[in-house]
N, C-alpha and C. Protein backbone atom coordinates (compact mmCIF):
# COMPACT_ATOMS: atom_id res chain seq x y z
N UNK A 1 -1.11 -16.06 27.47
CA UNK A 1 -0.42 -16.41 29.25
C UNK A 1 0.48 -16.98 28.51
N UNK A 2 0.99 -17.96 27.79
CA UNK A 2 2.02 -18.87 27.55
C UNK A 2 3.64 -17.44 27.27
N UNK A 3 2.99 -16.53 26.59
CA UNK A 3 4.03 -15.30 25.85
C UNK A 3 4.33 -15.04 27.49
N UNK A 4 3.47 -14.47 28.25
CA UNK A 4 3.71 -13.55 29.85
C UNK A 4 4.79 -14.71 30.59
N UNK A 5 4.02 -16.03 30.86
CA UNK A 5 5.00 -17.15 31.32
C UNK A 5 6.04 -17.50 31.07
N UNK A 6 6.65 -17.13 29.81
CA UNK A 6 7.82 -16.90 29.02
C UNK A 6 9.10 -15.84 29.23
N UNK A 7 8.27 -14.67 29.29
CA UNK A 7 9.19 -13.77 29.86
C UNK A 7 9.29 -13.58 31.45
N UNK A 8 7.91 -14.30 32.05
CA UNK A 8 8.72 -14.24 33.52
C UNK A 8 9.98 -14.84 33.74
N UNK A 9 9.74 -16.23 33.15
CA UNK A 9 10.98 -17.10 33.04
C UNK A 9 12.14 -16.64 32.64
N UNK A 10 12.08 -16.14 31.20
CA UNK A 10 13.56 -15.56 31.07
C UNK A 10 14.27 -14.40 32.21
N UNK A 11 13.03 -13.48 32.21
CA UNK A 11 13.41 -12.55 33.31
C UNK A 11 13.97 -13.05 34.80
N UNK A 12 13.37 -13.85 35.19
CA UNK A 12 13.65 -15.35 36.58
C UNK A 12 15.19 -15.89 36.39
N UNK A 13 15.21 -16.49 35.12
CA UNK A 13 17.20 -16.86 34.91
C UNK A 13 17.84 -15.65 34.92
N UNK A 14 17.52 -14.38 34.05
CA UNK A 14 17.87 -13.04 34.43
C UNK A 14 18.53 -12.97 35.64
N UNK A 15 17.45 -12.83 36.20
CA UNK A 15 18.19 -12.22 37.53
C UNK A 15 19.09 -13.63 38.45
N UNK A 16 18.49 -14.65 38.17
CA UNK A 16 19.70 -15.65 38.79
C UNK A 16 21.34 -15.56 38.25
N UNK A 17 21.30 -15.22 36.89
CA UNK A 17 22.81 -15.08 36.37
C UNK A 17 23.52 -13.83 36.76
N UNK A 18 22.52 -12.67 36.81
CA UNK A 18 22.98 -11.54 37.40
C UNK A 18 23.19 -11.75 39.07
N UNK A 19 22.98 -12.44 39.75
CA UNK A 19 22.84 -12.66 40.95
C UNK A 19 24.15 -13.59 40.90
N UNK A 20 24.73 -15.13 40.05
CA UNK A 20 26.00 -15.32 39.94
C UNK A 20 27.35 -14.76 39.80
N UNK A 21 26.69 -13.60 39.22
CA UNK A 21 28.00 -12.52 38.36
C UNK A 21 28.01 -11.41 39.42
N UNK A 22 27.32 -10.65 40.11
CA UNK A 22 27.20 -9.88 41.23
C UNK A 22 27.28 -10.26 42.82
N UNK A 23 26.80 -11.48 42.63
CA UNK A 23 26.05 -11.95 44.30
C UNK A 23 27.14 -11.19 45.26
N UNK A 24 26.78 -11.46 46.20
CA UNK A 24 28.14 -11.29 47.21
C UNK A 24 28.47 -12.75 47.98
N UNK A 25 29.26 -13.27 47.83
CA UNK A 25 29.91 -14.32 48.34
C UNK A 25 30.54 -14.37 49.88
N UNK A 26 30.24 -13.35 50.33
CA UNK A 26 30.37 -13.20 51.54
C UNK A 26 29.90 -14.28 52.62
N UNK A 27 28.54 -14.63 52.37
CA UNK A 27 27.83 -15.56 53.01
C UNK A 27 28.40 -17.09 52.58
N UNK A 28 29.44 -17.48 52.52
CA UNK A 28 30.04 -18.99 51.87
C UNK A 28 30.80 -19.36 52.54
N UNK A 29 30.71 -20.65 52.80
CA UNK A 29 31.30 -20.88 53.69
C UNK A 29 32.19 -22.40 52.90
N UNK A 30 33.83 -22.79 53.04
CA UNK A 30 34.47 -23.24 52.28
C UNK A 30 34.53 -24.55 53.39
N UNK A 31 34.42 -25.69 52.41
CA UNK A 31 34.68 -26.97 53.08
C UNK A 31 35.53 -27.77 52.57
N UNK A 32 36.25 -28.38 53.13
CA UNK A 32 37.28 -29.62 52.31
C UNK A 32 36.67 -30.98 52.63
N UNK A 33 36.53 -31.45 51.49
CA UNK A 33 35.64 -32.82 51.22
C UNK A 33 36.49 -33.59 51.33
N UNK A 34 37.70 -33.72 50.36
CA UNK A 34 38.67 -35.02 50.82
C UNK A 34 39.70 -33.85 51.04
N UNK A 35 40.08 -34.15 52.29
CA UNK A 35 41.18 -33.87 52.82
C UNK A 35 42.52 -33.98 52.08
N UNK A 36 42.69 -34.59 51.29
CA UNK A 36 43.92 -35.32 50.50
C UNK A 36 43.81 -34.24 49.53
N UNK A 37 43.02 -33.45 49.30
CA UNK A 37 42.87 -32.98 48.14
C UNK A 37 42.60 -31.14 48.34
N UNK A 38 43.28 -30.61 47.84
CA UNK A 38 42.91 -28.89 47.86
C UNK A 38 41.64 -28.30 47.24
N UNK A 39 40.74 -29.08 46.28
CA UNK A 39 39.47 -28.81 45.79
C UNK A 39 38.92 -28.40 47.26
N UNK A 40 38.19 -27.61 47.47
CA UNK A 40 37.24 -27.17 48.01
C UNK A 40 35.82 -27.43 47.66
N UNK A 41 34.67 -27.18 48.55
CA UNK A 41 33.39 -27.69 47.72
C UNK A 41 32.95 -26.29 48.53
N UNK A 42 31.97 -24.91 48.07
CA UNK A 42 31.48 -23.79 48.54
C UNK A 42 29.91 -24.08 48.61
N UNK A 43 29.74 -24.17 50.38
CA UNK A 43 28.58 -23.76 50.60
C UNK A 43 28.01 -22.68 50.95
N UNK A 44 26.76 -22.35 50.53
CA UNK A 44 26.12 -21.02 51.11
C UNK A 44 25.45 -21.55 52.10
N UNK A 45 25.80 -19.92 53.00
CA UNK A 45 25.01 -20.45 54.29
C UNK A 45 23.47 -19.28 54.00
N UNK A 46 22.83 -19.72 53.05
CA UNK A 46 21.77 -18.55 52.77
C UNK A 46 20.44 -19.52 53.29
N UNK A 47 19.52 -18.79 53.37
CA UNK A 47 18.16 -19.45 53.58
C UNK A 47 18.07 -20.59 52.25
N UNK A 48 18.00 -19.90 51.02
CA UNK A 48 17.50 -20.98 50.26
C UNK A 48 17.92 -22.18 50.48
N UNK A 49 19.66 -22.00 50.70
CA UNK A 49 19.79 -23.55 50.79
C UNK A 49 20.03 -23.97 52.43
N UNK A 50 19.02 -23.29 53.02
CA UNK A 50 19.20 -23.83 54.32
C UNK A 50 19.03 -25.19 54.86
N UNK A 51 18.10 -25.75 54.36
CA UNK A 51 18.13 -27.18 54.48
C UNK A 51 19.06 -28.75 53.74
N UNK A 52 19.97 -27.74 53.45
CA UNK A 52 21.04 -28.61 52.89
C UNK A 52 22.03 -28.70 53.33
N UNK A 53 22.39 -30.02 53.93
CA UNK A 53 23.43 -29.84 54.61
C UNK A 53 24.75 -30.00 53.92
N UNK A 54 26.18 -30.08 54.38
CA UNK A 54 27.24 -30.49 53.91
C UNK A 54 27.21 -31.62 53.13
N UNK A 55 26.94 -32.50 54.26
CA UNK A 55 26.56 -33.96 53.97
C UNK A 55 25.66 -34.61 52.54
N UNK A 56 24.55 -33.56 52.29
CA UNK A 56 23.72 -33.56 51.14
C UNK A 56 24.69 -32.96 49.48
N UNK A 57 25.31 -32.15 50.36
CA UNK A 57 26.23 -31.75 48.76
C UNK A 57 27.73 -32.81 48.81
N UNK A 58 28.25 -32.85 49.61
CA UNK A 58 29.29 -33.69 49.58
C UNK A 58 29.05 -35.13 49.23
N UNK A 59 27.42 -35.66 48.92
CA UNK A 59 27.04 -36.88 48.34
C UNK A 59 27.02 -36.77 46.76
N UNK A 60 26.97 -35.03 46.44
CA UNK A 60 26.67 -35.15 45.07
C UNK A 60 28.03 -34.69 44.16
N UNK A 61 28.89 -34.85 44.94
CA UNK A 61 30.35 -34.46 44.96
C UNK A 61 30.36 -35.89 43.86
N UNK A 62 31.66 -35.46 42.78
CA UNK A 62 31.66 -36.24 41.49
C UNK A 62 33.09 -36.88 41.94
N UNK A 63 33.22 -37.88 41.31
CA UNK A 63 34.10 -38.57 41.22
C UNK A 63 35.45 -38.11 39.91
N UNK A 64 36.15 -37.65 40.28
CA UNK A 64 36.97 -36.67 39.37
C UNK A 64 37.67 -38.03 38.22
N UNK A 65 37.91 -39.38 38.69
CA UNK A 65 38.30 -40.01 37.32
C UNK A 65 37.18 -40.12 36.41
N UNK A 66 37.99 -40.20 35.34
CA UNK A 66 37.23 -40.53 33.93
C UNK A 66 36.47 -39.19 33.82
N UNK A 67 36.34 -37.99 34.45
CA UNK A 67 36.06 -36.43 33.43
C UNK A 67 36.75 -36.02 33.06
N UNK A 68 37.01 -35.26 31.85
CA UNK A 68 37.70 -34.07 31.78
C UNK A 68 37.44 -32.83 32.35
N UNK A 69 39.16 -32.12 32.20
CA UNK A 69 38.60 -30.42 33.28
C UNK A 69 37.68 -29.75 32.95
N UNK A 70 36.98 -30.02 31.17
CA UNK A 70 35.96 -28.98 31.47
C UNK A 70 34.50 -29.51 31.78
N UNK A 71 34.31 -31.02 31.75
CA UNK A 71 33.97 -31.41 32.01
C UNK A 71 33.40 -31.41 33.77
N UNK A 72 34.69 -31.41 34.73
CA UNK A 72 34.75 -31.18 36.32
C UNK A 72 34.53 -29.81 36.40
N UNK A 73 34.79 -28.66 35.20
CA UNK A 73 34.48 -27.51 35.61
C UNK A 73 33.13 -27.42 35.47
N UNK A 74 31.99 -27.83 34.68
CA UNK A 74 30.76 -28.02 34.43
C UNK A 74 30.48 -28.51 35.39
N UNK A 75 30.81 -29.55 35.99
CA UNK A 75 30.31 -29.74 37.46
C UNK A 75 30.57 -29.26 38.47
N UNK A 76 31.35 -28.14 38.64
CA UNK A 76 31.43 -27.07 39.37
C UNK A 76 30.28 -25.89 39.10
N UNK A 77 30.35 -25.58 38.36
CA UNK A 77 29.20 -24.43 37.82
C UNK A 77 27.70 -24.72 37.76
N UNK A 78 27.76 -26.76 37.95
CA UNK A 78 26.04 -27.03 37.63
C UNK A 78 25.94 -26.61 39.50
N UNK A 79 26.74 -26.92 40.61
CA UNK A 79 26.64 -27.36 41.69
C UNK A 79 26.29 -25.82 41.81
N UNK A 80 26.58 -24.95 41.67
CA UNK A 80 26.52 -23.80 41.81
C UNK A 80 24.84 -23.08 41.54
N UNK A 81 24.91 -23.88 40.16
CA UNK A 81 23.20 -23.08 39.65
C UNK A 81 22.32 -23.73 40.81
N UNK A 82 22.36 -25.18 40.80
CA UNK A 82 21.34 -26.20 41.99
C UNK A 82 21.58 -25.41 43.32
N UNK A 83 22.58 -24.85 43.82
CA UNK A 83 22.31 -24.12 45.19
C UNK A 83 21.81 -23.21 45.66
N UNK A 84 21.57 -22.13 44.14
CA UNK A 84 21.07 -21.17 44.11
C UNK A 84 19.87 -21.19 43.89
N UNK A 85 19.15 -22.29 42.99
CA UNK A 85 17.45 -22.30 42.59
C UNK A 85 17.29 -23.77 41.65
N UNK A 86 16.23 -23.68 42.00
CA UNK A 86 15.71 -25.27 41.57
C UNK A 86 16.29 -25.30 39.81
N UNK A 87 16.52 -25.96 39.27
CA UNK A 87 16.63 -26.45 37.67
C UNK A 87 16.16 -27.87 37.32
N UNK A 88 15.58 -27.64 36.30
CA UNK A 88 15.37 -29.26 35.89
C UNK A 88 16.65 -29.53 34.99
N UNK A 89 16.53 -31.20 34.40
CA UNK A 89 17.69 -32.04 34.09
C UNK A 89 17.83 -30.82 32.77
N UNK A 90 17.10 -31.09 31.94
CA UNK A 90 17.16 -30.05 30.38
C UNK A 90 17.48 -28.67 31.01
N UNK A 91 17.20 -27.75 31.68
CA UNK A 91 16.87 -26.16 32.10
C UNK A 91 18.53 -26.09 32.32
N UNK A 92 19.08 -26.96 33.29
CA UNK A 92 20.54 -27.13 33.43
C UNK A 92 21.41 -27.13 32.76
N UNK A 93 21.39 -28.06 31.74
CA UNK A 93 22.02 -28.54 30.43
C UNK A 93 22.26 -27.11 29.62
N UNK A 94 20.85 -26.83 29.51
CA UNK A 94 20.59 -25.66 28.14
C UNK A 94 21.73 -24.34 29.08
N UNK A 95 21.53 -24.48 30.49
CA UNK A 95 22.13 -23.19 31.16
C UNK A 95 23.69 -23.01 30.91
N UNK A 96 24.09 -24.55 31.20
CA UNK A 96 25.36 -24.78 30.96
C UNK A 96 26.10 -24.92 29.86
N UNK A 97 25.01 -24.78 28.60
CA UNK A 97 25.93 -25.29 27.49
C UNK A 97 25.44 -23.99 26.38
N UNK A 98 24.66 -23.40 26.89
CA UNK A 98 24.34 -21.63 26.05
C UNK A 98 25.21 -20.93 25.73
N UNK A 99 25.38 -20.17 24.63
CA UNK A 99 26.38 -18.87 24.73
C UNK A 99 26.23 -17.86 25.50
N UNK A 100 24.82 -17.67 25.98
CA UNK A 100 24.55 -16.90 26.78
C UNK A 100 24.38 -17.55 28.75
N UNK A 101 24.64 -18.56 28.57
CA UNK A 101 25.40 -19.26 30.11
C UNK A 101 26.62 -19.63 29.87
N UNK A 102 26.91 -20.56 30.51
CA UNK A 102 28.31 -21.06 30.74
C UNK A 102 29.24 -21.28 29.32
N UNK A 103 28.47 -21.57 28.28
CA UNK A 103 29.04 -21.63 27.02
C UNK A 103 29.98 -23.38 27.11
N UNK A 104 30.03 -24.20 27.68
CA UNK A 104 30.30 -25.53 27.43
C UNK A 104 29.58 -26.42 26.81
N UNK A 105 30.56 -27.13 26.03
CA UNK A 105 29.43 -28.33 25.14
C UNK A 105 28.66 -28.87 25.48
N UNK A 106 27.50 -29.59 24.71
CA UNK A 106 26.32 -30.12 25.31
C UNK A 106 26.53 -31.12 25.68
N UNK A 107 27.20 -31.83 25.03
CA UNK A 107 27.81 -33.38 25.65
C UNK A 107 28.67 -32.86 27.03
N UNK A 108 29.62 -32.04 27.27
CA UNK A 108 30.44 -32.08 28.76
C UNK A 108 29.33 -31.75 29.93
N UNK A 109 28.27 -30.57 29.56
CA UNK A 109 27.27 -30.15 30.32
C UNK A 109 26.33 -31.38 30.89
N UNK A 110 25.83 -32.36 29.79
CA UNK A 110 25.43 -33.59 29.85
C UNK A 110 26.03 -34.79 31.13
N UNK A 111 27.22 -34.86 30.90
CA UNK A 111 28.04 -35.71 31.34
C UNK A 111 28.40 -35.48 32.54
N UNK A 112 28.74 -33.68 32.68
CA UNK A 112 28.67 -33.17 33.79
C UNK A 112 27.53 -33.64 34.95
N UNK A 113 26.23 -33.06 34.46
CA UNK A 113 24.97 -33.03 35.19
C UNK A 113 24.54 -34.36 35.73
N UNK A 114 24.72 -35.57 34.17
CA UNK A 114 24.54 -36.86 34.66
C UNK A 114 25.61 -37.52 36.20
N UNK A 115 26.59 -37.03 36.35
CA UNK A 115 27.77 -37.76 37.11
C UNK A 115 27.32 -37.29 38.45
N UNK A 116 26.28 -36.05 38.57
CA UNK A 116 25.60 -35.59 40.00
C UNK A 116 24.68 -36.56 40.39
N UNK A 117 24.51 -36.77 41.55
CA UNK A 117 23.02 -37.16 42.02
C UNK A 117 22.27 -36.31 42.80
N UNK A 118 21.56 -35.49 41.73
CA UNK A 118 20.22 -34.65 41.59
C UNK A 118 19.11 -35.26 41.81
N UNK A 119 18.04 -34.84 42.86
CA UNK A 119 16.87 -35.82 42.90
C UNK A 119 16.04 -34.66 42.28
N UNK A 120 15.94 -34.75 40.75
CA UNK A 120 14.98 -33.82 39.82
C UNK A 120 13.74 -33.48 40.05
N UNK A 121 12.69 -34.47 41.10
CA UNK A 121 11.57 -34.10 41.81
C UNK A 121 11.67 -32.66 42.81
N UNK A 122 12.41 -33.05 43.35
CA UNK A 122 13.04 -32.32 44.45
C UNK A 122 13.27 -30.99 43.88
N UNK A 123 13.98 -30.42 42.38
CA UNK A 123 14.29 -29.91 42.11
C UNK A 123 12.83 -29.02 41.79
N UNK A 124 12.15 -29.90 41.11
CA UNK A 124 10.47 -29.33 40.23
C UNK A 124 9.78 -28.68 41.54
N UNK A 125 9.92 -29.44 43.03
CA UNK A 125 9.13 -28.56 43.92
C UNK A 125 9.89 -27.35 44.06
N UNK A 126 11.35 -27.16 44.51
CA UNK A 126 11.91 -25.95 44.54
C UNK A 126 11.71 -24.98 43.82
N UNK A 127 11.41 -25.23 42.43
CA UNK A 127 10.99 -24.13 41.17
C UNK A 127 9.50 -23.70 41.46
N UNK A 128 8.84 -24.89 41.71
CA UNK A 128 7.07 -24.62 42.21
C UNK A 128 6.74 -23.62 42.98
N UNK A 129 7.77 -23.88 44.19
CA UNK A 129 7.58 -23.26 45.10
C UNK A 129 8.05 -21.77 44.86
N UNK A 130 8.91 -21.40 44.21
CA UNK A 130 10.24 -19.88 43.68
C UNK A 130 8.85 -19.40 42.59
N UNK A 131 8.34 -20.14 41.69
CA UNK A 131 6.61 -19.46 40.91
C UNK A 131 6.06 -19.05 41.81
N UNK A 132 5.54 -20.11 42.55
CA UNK A 132 4.34 -19.59 44.16
C UNK A 132 4.95 -18.14 44.15
N UNK A 133 5.89 -18.22 44.87
CA UNK A 133 6.59 -17.07 45.82
C UNK A 133 6.05 -15.77 44.82
N UNK A 134 6.16 -15.61 43.29
CA UNK A 134 6.53 -14.59 42.47
C UNK A 134 5.22 -14.46 42.27
N UNK A 135 4.35 -15.14 41.75
CA UNK A 135 2.63 -14.81 41.73
C UNK A 135 2.13 -15.97 41.49
N UNK A 136 0.71 -16.09 41.91
CA UNK A 136 -0.42 -16.94 41.93
C UNK A 136 -0.80 -18.08 40.65
N UNK A 137 -0.51 -19.20 40.18
CA UNK A 137 -0.48 -20.44 39.27
C UNK A 137 -1.92 -21.00 39.62
N UNK A 138 -2.51 -21.71 38.95
CA UNK A 138 -3.44 -22.76 39.36
C UNK A 138 -2.55 -24.13 38.86
N UNK A 139 -3.46 -24.96 39.61
CA UNK A 139 -2.27 -26.01 39.57
C UNK A 139 -1.70 -26.89 37.81
N UNK A 140 -2.94 -26.41 37.14
CA UNK A 140 -2.45 -27.11 35.42
C UNK A 140 -1.49 -25.72 35.21
N UNK A 141 -1.81 -24.04 35.29
CA UNK A 141 -1.02 -23.66 35.03
C UNK A 141 0.43 -23.54 35.12
N UNK A 142 0.51 -24.09 36.92
CA UNK A 142 2.36 -24.17 37.09
C UNK A 142 2.73 -25.65 36.63
N UNK A 143 1.83 -26.58 36.94
CA UNK A 143 2.60 -27.79 35.70
C UNK A 143 2.95 -27.24 34.55
N UNK A 144 2.28 -26.50 33.37
CA UNK A 144 2.42 -26.12 32.26
C UNK A 144 3.60 -25.33 32.47
N UNK A 145 3.95 -24.42 33.11
CA UNK A 145 5.10 -23.37 33.15
C UNK A 145 6.24 -24.47 33.75
N UNK A 146 6.40 -25.31 34.53
CA UNK A 146 7.58 -26.17 35.02
C UNK A 146 7.78 -27.01 34.07
N UNK A 147 7.05 -27.57 33.13
CA UNK A 147 7.02 -28.47 31.97
C UNK A 147 6.78 -28.02 30.66
N UNK A 148 6.66 -26.76 30.44
CA UNK A 148 6.85 -26.21 29.07
C UNK A 148 8.24 -25.70 28.83
N UNK A 149 8.44 -26.15 26.91
CA UNK A 149 10.04 -25.96 26.61
C UNK A 149 10.26 -24.37 26.68
N UNK A 150 8.90 -23.62 27.12
CA UNK A 150 9.21 -22.13 27.16
C UNK A 150 9.36 -21.76 28.61
N UNK A 151 9.38 -22.41 29.54
CA UNK A 151 9.33 -22.60 30.91
C UNK A 151 10.73 -23.22 31.40
N UNK A 152 10.14 -23.89 32.80
CA UNK A 152 11.51 -24.67 33.45
C UNK A 152 11.51 -26.04 33.07
N UNK A 153 10.60 -26.87 31.84
CA UNK A 153 11.76 -28.03 31.14
C UNK A 153 11.69 -28.88 31.62
N UNK A 154 10.69 -29.18 32.67
CA UNK A 154 11.00 -30.64 33.82
C UNK A 154 9.91 -31.69 32.66
N UNK A 155 9.83 -33.07 33.49
CA UNK A 155 9.12 -33.65 32.54
C UNK A 155 7.67 -33.43 33.12
N UNK A 156 6.66 -33.80 32.49
CA UNK A 156 5.39 -33.83 33.05
C UNK A 156 5.55 -34.23 33.97
N UNK A 157 5.91 -35.17 34.52
CA UNK A 157 5.91 -36.11 35.59
C UNK A 157 6.73 -35.40 37.05
N UNK A 158 7.69 -34.59 36.89
CA UNK A 158 8.39 -33.85 37.53
C UNK A 158 7.63 -32.49 37.75
N UNK A 159 6.82 -32.43 36.86
CA UNK A 159 6.07 -31.17 37.13
C UNK A 159 4.84 -31.44 37.96
N UNK A 160 4.52 -31.88 37.54
CA UNK A 160 3.28 -32.87 38.50
C UNK A 160 3.58 -32.87 39.93
N UNK A 161 4.65 -33.58 39.94
CA UNK A 161 4.94 -33.64 40.85
C UNK A 161 5.31 -32.53 42.11
N UNK A 162 6.14 -31.53 41.59
CA UNK A 162 6.56 -30.44 41.68
C UNK A 162 5.35 -29.57 42.27
N UNK A 163 4.04 -29.36 41.69
CA UNK A 163 2.82 -28.60 41.51
C UNK A 163 2.23 -29.22 42.86
N UNK A 164 2.04 -30.72 42.96
CA UNK A 164 1.25 -31.29 44.07
C UNK A 164 2.28 -30.98 45.35
N UNK A 165 3.72 -31.33 45.18
CA UNK A 165 3.95 -30.89 46.48
C UNK A 165 4.67 -29.54 47.07
N UNK A 166 4.26 -28.64 46.09
CA UNK A 166 4.29 -27.07 46.55
C UNK A 166 2.75 -26.67 47.02
N UNK A 167 2.00 -27.38 46.70
CA UNK A 167 0.36 -26.95 47.69
C UNK A 167 -0.18 -26.60 46.60
N UNK A 168 0.25 -26.63 44.88
CA UNK A 168 -0.76 -25.71 44.07
C UNK A 168 -1.80 -26.28 43.44
N UNK A 169 -1.85 -27.80 43.79
CA UNK A 169 -2.96 -28.34 43.14
C UNK A 169 -3.95 -29.11 44.54
N UNK A 170 -5.19 -29.26 44.65
CA UNK A 170 -5.99 -29.62 46.11
C UNK A 170 -5.69 -31.21 45.65
C-alpha cells in the first residue's frame, strides 16, 4: 500500500511539474502590488485558486529587503507552486531545492518559504482534498499519505487537520 501511495505522490508531483512547464498562462492576470515597483504578482484566474483573493496573495508578498536575489527568485517559485496545489513546508522546500525541481540551495529555499505567510494547515486541507478527488482514502490512510516522508511530508498535526477538514474522518 505504501509503495502504491508513493507512486501516486510521485506521479502527482510529476503532473504538477509538467503543468508548470507546459501550462497555459493565458488565464493569468498580472497585478502591480506596489505601484512604485515594476515587479508584478501573477494571480491565476483558475478554479483551483478562485477562493484566493489578490489581497490574500499580496499579504504573502515578501519584503525584499534582506533577501538575496536567489531567495527572491525562490519566493516567486514558491508562490507559483502554492497557487497550483497544496504543499507542506518540507515538501515545498524539497521541490525548490531538488535537482529535479528548481535547484535552489536548501538554505535559500528555506529562507524564502519562511519569509512567506503560508497557512500550512490550509495547505494540508488542499492536499487532502486533492488526494480524495483522485482516489478513496480511509481517515488513517489519508493521514499517513499526508504525513509520510514518501508522501506529502506534512506534520502529523497538519495531516490530521487536513484529513478532518476534507471530510475523510468521521
